[in-house]
Structure formats: C-alpha cells, structure tokens
Amino acid sequence: VRLVESGGGLVQPGESLRLSCAASGFTFSQFDMSWYRQAPGKERELVATISSGGIRTNYADSVKGRFTISRDNVRSTVYLQMNSLKPEDTAVYYCRARFNVDYWGQGTQVTVSS
C-alpha cells in the first residue's frame, strides 16, 4: 500500500497550488479520501474529505471557498486545488484513505510566504 503526495512548494500569498496523492496497493474506489495538514507546533487537522464515489465533499471552515478536493478513480489519485493561499495555510499536507482501515501518506510541505 502506498499513498504518495506531491505538488507542495513555496508560494506567495494569493497564489495557488495543486496537490496530488497517488494511491496504489488497494482498491482506491472503495475508500473515502481526505487531506489533512499539520503546522509546526499544532495538531493535525482535517482539511477536506471526498466520498468514495466523489459525490460528497466536506471542508474545514478555514478553507471553504478556496480549496477544492477531487478524485480520479481511474488514476487512483486524489487532488487538492488550493487557491488564494494564506500564510496560515503553511503546513505539511497529508492524504488519508479510509474504509475499513486507514492509510496515510508521508506528506508534502506547503509554505506560503512573501
């Protein structure tokens, strides 16, 4: 089982990034997928979730209207489009797969700074 995040980096406030999480080793289409983030000195927090079929999504209040989660069950990949980034979005971003078990990726760093 592997979850590999990519797409992180250093951007200025107001810019955008698109994170990807490529899954392998399990039946991706059966799993709800989520993005979490953890900033230095803070607990890991839920950013967004998408249901297995891609019909239902949920977002943290802090990212509503700016971030969009999506998935491609053919490519076994989940995405997080992040627009209008703020310094407080700086964190390591992790993807999580959840069905009867939990799988986590290793994370990708997102830094928003001028």
N, C-alpha and C. Protein backbone atom coordinates (compact mmCIF):
# COMPACT_ATOMS: atom_id res chain seq x y z
N VAL A 1 0.85 -1.19 0.00
CA VAL A 1 0.00 0.00 0.00
C VAL A 1 0.88 1.24 0.00
N ARG A 2 0.55 2.15 -0.90
CA ARG A 2 1.30 3.40 -0.96
C ARG A 2 0.35 4.56 -1.23
N LEU A 3 0.61 5.67 -0.52
CA LEU A 3 -0.01 6.95 -0.81
C LEU A 3 1.13 7.95 -0.95
N VAL A 4 1.27 8.54 -2.12
CA VAL A 4 2.40 9.42 -2.38
C VAL A 4 1.88 10.80 -2.76
N GLU A 5 2.12 11.76 -1.85
CA GLU A 5 1.71 13.13 -2.11
C GLU A 5 2.77 13.86 -2.92
N SER A 6 2.31 14.81 -3.71
CA SER A 6 3.22 15.66 -4.47
C SER A 6 2.53 16.99 -4.74
N GLY A 7 3.33 17.96 -5.22
CA GLY A 7 2.77 19.25 -5.60
C GLY A 7 2.99 20.37 -4.61
N GLY A 8 3.57 20.06 -3.46
CA GLY A 8 3.84 21.10 -2.49
C GLY A 8 4.97 22.01 -2.95
N GLY A 9 5.17 23.08 -2.20
CA GLY A 9 6.24 24.00 -2.53
C GLY A 9 6.10 25.32 -1.80
N LEU A 10 6.90 26.27 -2.23
CA LEU A 10 6.90 27.62 -1.66
C LEU A 10 6.18 28.57 -2.62
N VAL A 11 5.15 29.23 -2.12
CA VAL A 11 4.40 30.19 -2.93
C VAL A 11 4.16 31.45 -2.12
N GLN A 12 3.80 32.51 -2.83
CA GLN A 12 3.48 33.77 -2.17
C GLN A 12 1.99 33.81 -1.83
N PRO A 13 1.62 34.62 -0.85
CA PRO A 13 0.19 34.77 -0.53
C PRO A 13 -0.62 35.14 -1.76
N GLY A 14 -1.78 34.52 -1.87
CA GLY A 14 -2.65 34.78 -3.01
C GLY A 14 -2.46 33.84 -4.17
N GLU A 15 -1.37 33.10 -4.17
CA GLU A 15 -1.10 32.17 -5.26
C GLU A 15 -1.80 30.84 -5.03
N SER A 16 -1.62 29.93 -6.00
CA SER A 16 -2.31 28.64 -5.97
C SER A 16 -1.32 27.49 -6.04
N LEU A 17 -1.76 26.35 -5.55
CA LEU A 17 -1.04 25.09 -5.68
C LEU A 17 -2.06 23.98 -5.87
N ARG A 18 -1.63 22.92 -6.54
CA ARG A 18 -2.47 21.74 -6.67
C ARG A 18 -1.70 20.55 -6.14
N LEU A 19 -2.21 19.96 -5.08
CA LEU A 19 -1.60 18.77 -4.52
C LEU A 19 -2.22 17.53 -5.14
N SER A 20 -1.41 16.50 -5.27
CA SER A 20 -1.87 15.20 -5.76
C SER A 20 -1.47 14.12 -4.77
N CYS A 21 -2.28 13.10 -4.70
CA CYS A 21 -1.96 11.94 -3.87
C CYS A 21 -2.26 10.70 -4.70
N ALA A 22 -1.20 10.02 -5.11
CA ALA A 22 -1.33 8.83 -5.93
C ALA A 22 -1.36 7.59 -5.05
N ALA A 23 -2.39 6.77 -5.24
CA ALA A 23 -2.58 5.59 -4.41
C ALA A 23 -2.30 4.32 -5.18
N SER A 24 -1.81 3.32 -4.47
CA SER A 24 -1.60 2.01 -5.07
C SER A 24 -1.65 0.95 -3.98
N GLY A 25 -1.95 -0.28 -4.38
CA GLY A 25 -1.93 -1.38 -3.45
C GLY A 25 -3.24 -1.67 -2.75
N PHE A 26 -4.28 -0.93 -3.08
CA PHE A 26 -5.60 -1.20 -2.52
C PHE A 26 -6.65 -0.70 -3.50
N THR A 27 -7.90 -1.04 -3.25
CA THR A 27 -8.99 -0.67 -4.16
C THR A 27 -9.43 0.75 -3.86
N PHE A 28 -8.79 1.66 -4.54
CA PHE A 28 -8.95 3.10 -4.29
C PHE A 28 -10.42 3.52 -4.30
N SER A 29 -11.19 3.01 -5.23
CA SER A 29 -12.57 3.46 -5.41
C SER A 29 -13.48 3.11 -4.24
N GLN A 30 -13.04 2.27 -3.34
CA GLN A 30 -13.84 1.90 -2.18
C GLN A 30 -13.60 2.82 -0.98
N PHE A 31 -12.57 3.64 -1.07
CA PHE A 31 -12.12 4.41 0.07
C PHE A 31 -12.55 5.87 -0.01
N ASP A 32 -13.05 6.39 1.11
CA ASP A 32 -13.14 7.83 1.26
C ASP A 32 -11.72 8.39 1.38
N MET A 33 -11.51 9.55 0.80
CA MET A 33 -10.18 10.15 0.82
C MET A 33 -10.23 11.52 1.48
N SER A 34 -9.18 11.83 2.22
CA SER A 34 -9.13 13.11 2.92
C SER A 34 -7.75 13.73 2.78
N TRP A 35 -7.73 15.03 2.93
CA TRP A 35 -6.48 15.77 3.10
C TRP A 35 -6.47 16.34 4.52
N TYR A 36 -5.35 16.17 5.18
CA TYR A 36 -5.09 16.75 6.49
C TYR A 36 -3.87 17.66 6.37
N ARG A 37 -3.68 18.47 7.36
CA ARG A 37 -2.46 19.27 7.42
C ARG A 37 -2.01 19.43 8.86
N GLN A 38 -0.72 19.64 9.02
CA GLN A 38 -0.15 19.85 10.34
C GLN A 38 0.89 20.95 10.27
N ALA A 39 0.61 22.02 10.96
CA ALA A 39 1.55 23.14 11.04
C ALA A 39 2.48 22.93 12.22
N PRO A 40 3.65 23.56 12.21
CA PRO A 40 4.59 23.39 13.32
C PRO A 40 3.96 23.74 14.65
N GLY A 41 4.09 22.85 15.61
CA GLY A 41 3.57 23.10 16.95
C GLY A 41 2.08 22.95 17.10
N LYS A 42 1.41 22.50 16.03
CA LYS A 42 -0.04 22.35 16.09
C LYS A 42 -0.44 20.91 15.81
N GLU A 43 -1.67 20.58 16.19
CA GLU A 43 -2.18 19.24 15.92
C GLU A 43 -2.57 19.12 14.44
N ARG A 44 -2.57 17.87 13.99
CA ARG A 44 -3.01 17.61 12.63
C ARG A 44 -4.51 17.90 12.53
N GLU A 45 -4.90 18.57 11.46
CA GLU A 45 -6.31 18.94 11.30
C GLU A 45 -6.83 18.50 9.94
N LEU A 46 -8.12 18.19 9.92
CA LEU A 46 -8.78 17.80 8.69
C LEU A 46 -9.01 19.02 7.81
N VAL A 47 -8.63 18.90 6.55
CA VAL A 47 -8.82 19.99 5.59
C VAL A 47 -10.05 19.73 4.71
N ALA A 48 -10.11 18.53 4.12
CA ALA A 48 -11.20 18.23 3.19
C ALA A 48 -11.35 16.72 3.04
N THR A 49 -12.57 16.29 2.76
CA THR A 49 -12.87 14.88 2.55
C THR A 49 -13.74 14.74 1.32
N ILE A 50 -13.53 13.64 0.60
CA ILE A 50 -14.37 13.31 -0.54
C ILE A 50 -14.78 11.85 -0.43
N SER A 51 -16.04 11.57 -0.70
CA SER A 51 -16.53 10.21 -0.58
C SER A 51 -15.95 9.31 -1.68
N SER A 52 -16.14 8.02 -1.50
CA SER A 52 -15.52 7.06 -2.41
C SER A 52 -15.93 7.29 -3.86
N GLY A 53 -17.20 7.65 -4.07
CA GLY A 53 -17.68 7.89 -5.43
C GLY A 53 -17.51 9.31 -5.91
N GLY A 54 -17.00 10.16 -5.03
CA GLY A 54 -16.76 11.54 -5.41
C GLY A 54 -17.97 12.44 -5.33
N ILE A 55 -19.07 11.94 -4.76
CA ILE A 55 -20.30 12.71 -4.73
C ILE A 55 -20.32 13.72 -3.58
N ARG A 56 -19.85 13.29 -2.43
CA ARG A 56 -19.92 14.16 -1.25
C ARG A 56 -18.54 14.69 -0.90
N THR A 57 -18.52 15.97 -0.57
CA THR A 57 -17.29 16.62 -0.10
C THR A 57 -17.58 17.43 1.15
N ASN A 58 -16.56 17.57 1.97
CA ASN A 58 -16.65 18.40 3.17
C ASN A 58 -15.34 19.15 3.33
N TYR A 59 -15.44 20.35 3.90
CA TYR A 59 -14.27 21.20 4.05
C TYR A 59 -14.22 21.81 5.44
N ALA A 60 -13.02 22.05 5.90
CA ALA A 60 -12.84 22.85 7.10
C ALA A 60 -13.29 24.27 6.80
N ASP A 61 -13.84 24.93 7.80
CA ASP A 61 -14.32 26.30 7.60
C ASP A 61 -13.21 27.21 7.09
N SER A 62 -11.99 26.96 7.53
CA SER A 62 -10.88 27.83 7.20
C SER A 62 -10.49 27.78 5.72
N VAL A 63 -10.95 26.75 5.00
CA VAL A 63 -10.56 26.62 3.58
C VAL A 63 -11.75 26.67 2.64
N LYS A 64 -12.96 26.73 3.17
CA LYS A 64 -14.15 26.76 2.31
C LYS A 64 -14.09 27.94 1.35
N GLY A 65 -14.40 27.65 0.10
CA GLY A 65 -14.38 28.68 -0.93
C GLY A 65 -13.02 28.91 -1.55
N ARG A 66 -11.97 28.33 -0.95
CA ARG A 66 -10.61 28.49 -1.50
C ARG A 66 -10.02 27.18 -2.00
N PHE A 67 -10.34 26.09 -1.30
CA PHE A 67 -9.79 24.77 -1.64
C PHE A 67 -10.87 23.89 -2.25
N THR A 68 -10.46 23.03 -3.17
CA THR A 68 -11.38 22.06 -3.78
C THR A 68 -10.73 20.69 -3.81
N ILE A 69 -11.41 19.71 -3.25
CA ILE A 69 -10.94 18.33 -3.30
C ILE A 69 -11.65 17.62 -4.44
N SER A 70 -10.90 16.77 -5.14
CA SER A 70 -11.48 15.98 -6.22
C SER A 70 -10.72 14.67 -6.32
N ARG A 71 -11.26 13.74 -7.11
CA ARG A 71 -10.59 12.45 -7.24
C ARG A 71 -10.81 11.90 -8.64
N ASP A 72 -9.90 11.04 -9.03
CA ASP A 72 -9.98 10.31 -10.29
C ASP A 72 -9.82 8.84 -9.95
N ASN A 73 -10.92 8.12 -9.95
CA ASN A 73 -10.86 6.71 -9.55
C ASN A 73 -10.21 5.83 -10.62
N VAL A 74 -10.09 6.32 -11.81
CA VAL A 74 -9.37 5.57 -12.84
C VAL A 74 -7.87 5.66 -12.60
N ARG A 75 -7.41 6.84 -12.24
CA ARG A 75 -5.98 7.05 -11.96
C ARG A 75 -5.62 6.82 -10.50
N SER A 76 -6.61 6.49 -9.67
CA SER A 76 -6.36 6.25 -8.24
C SER A 76 -5.62 7.43 -7.61
N THR A 77 -6.12 8.60 -7.87
CA THR A 77 -5.47 9.82 -7.40
C THR A 77 -6.52 10.78 -6.82
N VAL A 78 -6.16 11.41 -5.73
CA VAL A 78 -6.98 12.47 -5.15
C VAL A 78 -6.19 13.77 -5.23
N TYR A 79 -6.92 14.85 -5.43
CA TYR A 79 -6.30 16.16 -5.63
C TYR A 79 -6.82 17.16 -4.60
N LEU A 80 -6.01 18.17 -4.36
CA LEU A 80 -6.45 19.30 -3.56
C LEU A 80 -6.00 20.57 -4.29
N GLN A 81 -6.95 21.26 -4.88
CA GLN A 81 -6.67 22.54 -5.52
C GLN A 81 -6.77 23.62 -4.46
N MET A 82 -5.70 24.35 -4.27
CA MET A 82 -5.64 25.37 -3.23
C MET A 82 -5.43 26.73 -3.88
N ASN A 83 -6.42 27.59 -3.75
CA ASN A 83 -6.35 28.94 -4.31
C ASN A 83 -6.30 29.97 -3.18
N SER A 84 -5.91 31.17 -3.54
CA SER A 84 -5.86 32.28 -2.58
C SER A 84 -5.15 31.86 -1.30
N LEU A 85 -3.99 31.28 -1.45
CA LEU A 85 -3.27 30.76 -0.29
C LEU A 85 -2.86 31.86 0.67
N LYS A 86 -2.87 31.52 1.95
CA LYS A 86 -2.54 32.45 3.02
C LYS A 86 -1.35 31.90 3.81
N PRO A 87 -0.62 32.76 4.50
CA PRO A 87 0.49 32.25 5.33
C PRO A 87 0.03 31.19 6.33
N GLU A 88 -1.17 31.30 6.84
CA GLU A 88 -1.67 30.33 7.81
C GLU A 88 -1.99 28.96 7.19
N ASP A 89 -1.90 28.86 5.87
CA ASP A 89 -2.05 27.55 5.21
C ASP A 89 -0.73 26.77 5.21
N THR A 90 0.33 27.39 5.66
CA THR A 90 1.62 26.72 5.72
C THR A 90 1.55 25.51 6.64
N ALA A 91 1.92 24.36 6.10
CA ALA A 91 1.83 23.11 6.86
C ALA A 91 2.36 21.98 5.99
N VAL A 92 2.52 20.82 6.63
CA VAL A 92 2.71 19.59 5.87
C VAL A 92 1.32 19.02 5.60
N TYR A 93 1.06 18.71 4.35
CA TYR A 93 -0.25 18.20 3.93
C TYR A 93 -0.15 16.69 3.69
N TYR A 94 -1.10 15.98 4.28
CA TYR A 94 -1.13 14.52 4.20
C TYR A 94 -2.44 14.06 3.56
N CYS A 95 -2.38 12.99 2.80
CA CYS A 95 -3.63 12.36 2.36
C CYS A 95 -3.87 11.11 3.18
N ARG A 96 -5.13 10.80 3.33
CA ARG A 96 -5.58 9.67 4.12
C ARG A 96 -6.64 8.91 3.35
N ALA A 97 -6.54 7.60 3.36
CA ALA A 97 -7.54 6.72 2.76
C ALA A 97 -8.23 5.97 3.89
N ARG A 98 -9.56 5.97 3.85
CA ARG A 98 -10.29 5.34 4.95
C ARG A 98 -11.43 4.50 4.40
N PHE A 99 -11.46 3.24 4.81
CA PHE A 99 -12.59 2.35 4.54
C PHE A 99 -12.76 1.51 5.76
N ASN A 100 -12.33 0.28 5.75
CA ASN A 100 -12.28 -0.50 6.99
C ASN A 100 -10.95 -0.31 7.70
N VAL A 101 -9.98 0.24 6.99
CA VAL A 101 -8.66 0.52 7.53
C VAL A 101 -8.26 1.93 7.12
N ASP A 102 -7.20 2.40 7.76
CA ASP A 102 -6.66 3.72 7.48
C ASP A 102 -5.29 3.61 6.85
N TYR A 103 -5.08 4.39 5.78
CA TYR A 103 -3.75 4.51 5.21
C TYR A 103 -3.39 5.99 5.13
N TRP A 104 -2.13 6.27 5.38
CA TRP A 104 -1.65 7.66 5.35
C TRP A 104 -0.44 7.78 4.43
N GLY A 105 -0.33 8.94 3.80
CA GLY A 105 0.87 9.24 3.05
C GLY A 105 1.92 9.87 3.95
N GLN A 106 3.07 10.19 3.35
CA GLN A 106 4.20 10.75 4.10
C GLN A 106 4.15 12.26 4.19
N GLY A 107 3.32 12.89 3.36
CA GLY A 107 3.16 14.32 3.45
C GLY A 107 3.97 15.10 2.43
N THR A 108 3.50 16.30 2.14
CA THR A 108 4.20 17.24 1.27
C THR A 108 4.13 18.62 1.89
N GLN A 109 5.24 19.32 1.88
CA GLN A 109 5.32 20.63 2.55
C GLN A 109 4.74 21.73 1.67
N VAL A 110 3.88 22.54 2.25
CA VAL A 110 3.36 23.74 1.60
C VAL A 110 3.76 24.93 2.46
N THR A 111 4.46 25.87 1.85
CA THR A 111 4.88 27.08 2.55
C THR A 111 4.36 28.29 1.80
N VAL A 112 3.64 29.13 2.52
CA VAL A 112 3.08 30.35 1.92
C VAL A 112 3.74 31.53 2.62
N SER A 113 4.56 32.23 1.87
CA SER A 113 5.34 33.32 2.47
C SER A 113 5.75 34.31 1.41
N SER A 114 5.79 35.57 1.81
CA SER A 114 6.26 36.62 0.90
C SER A 114 7.75 36.87 1.09
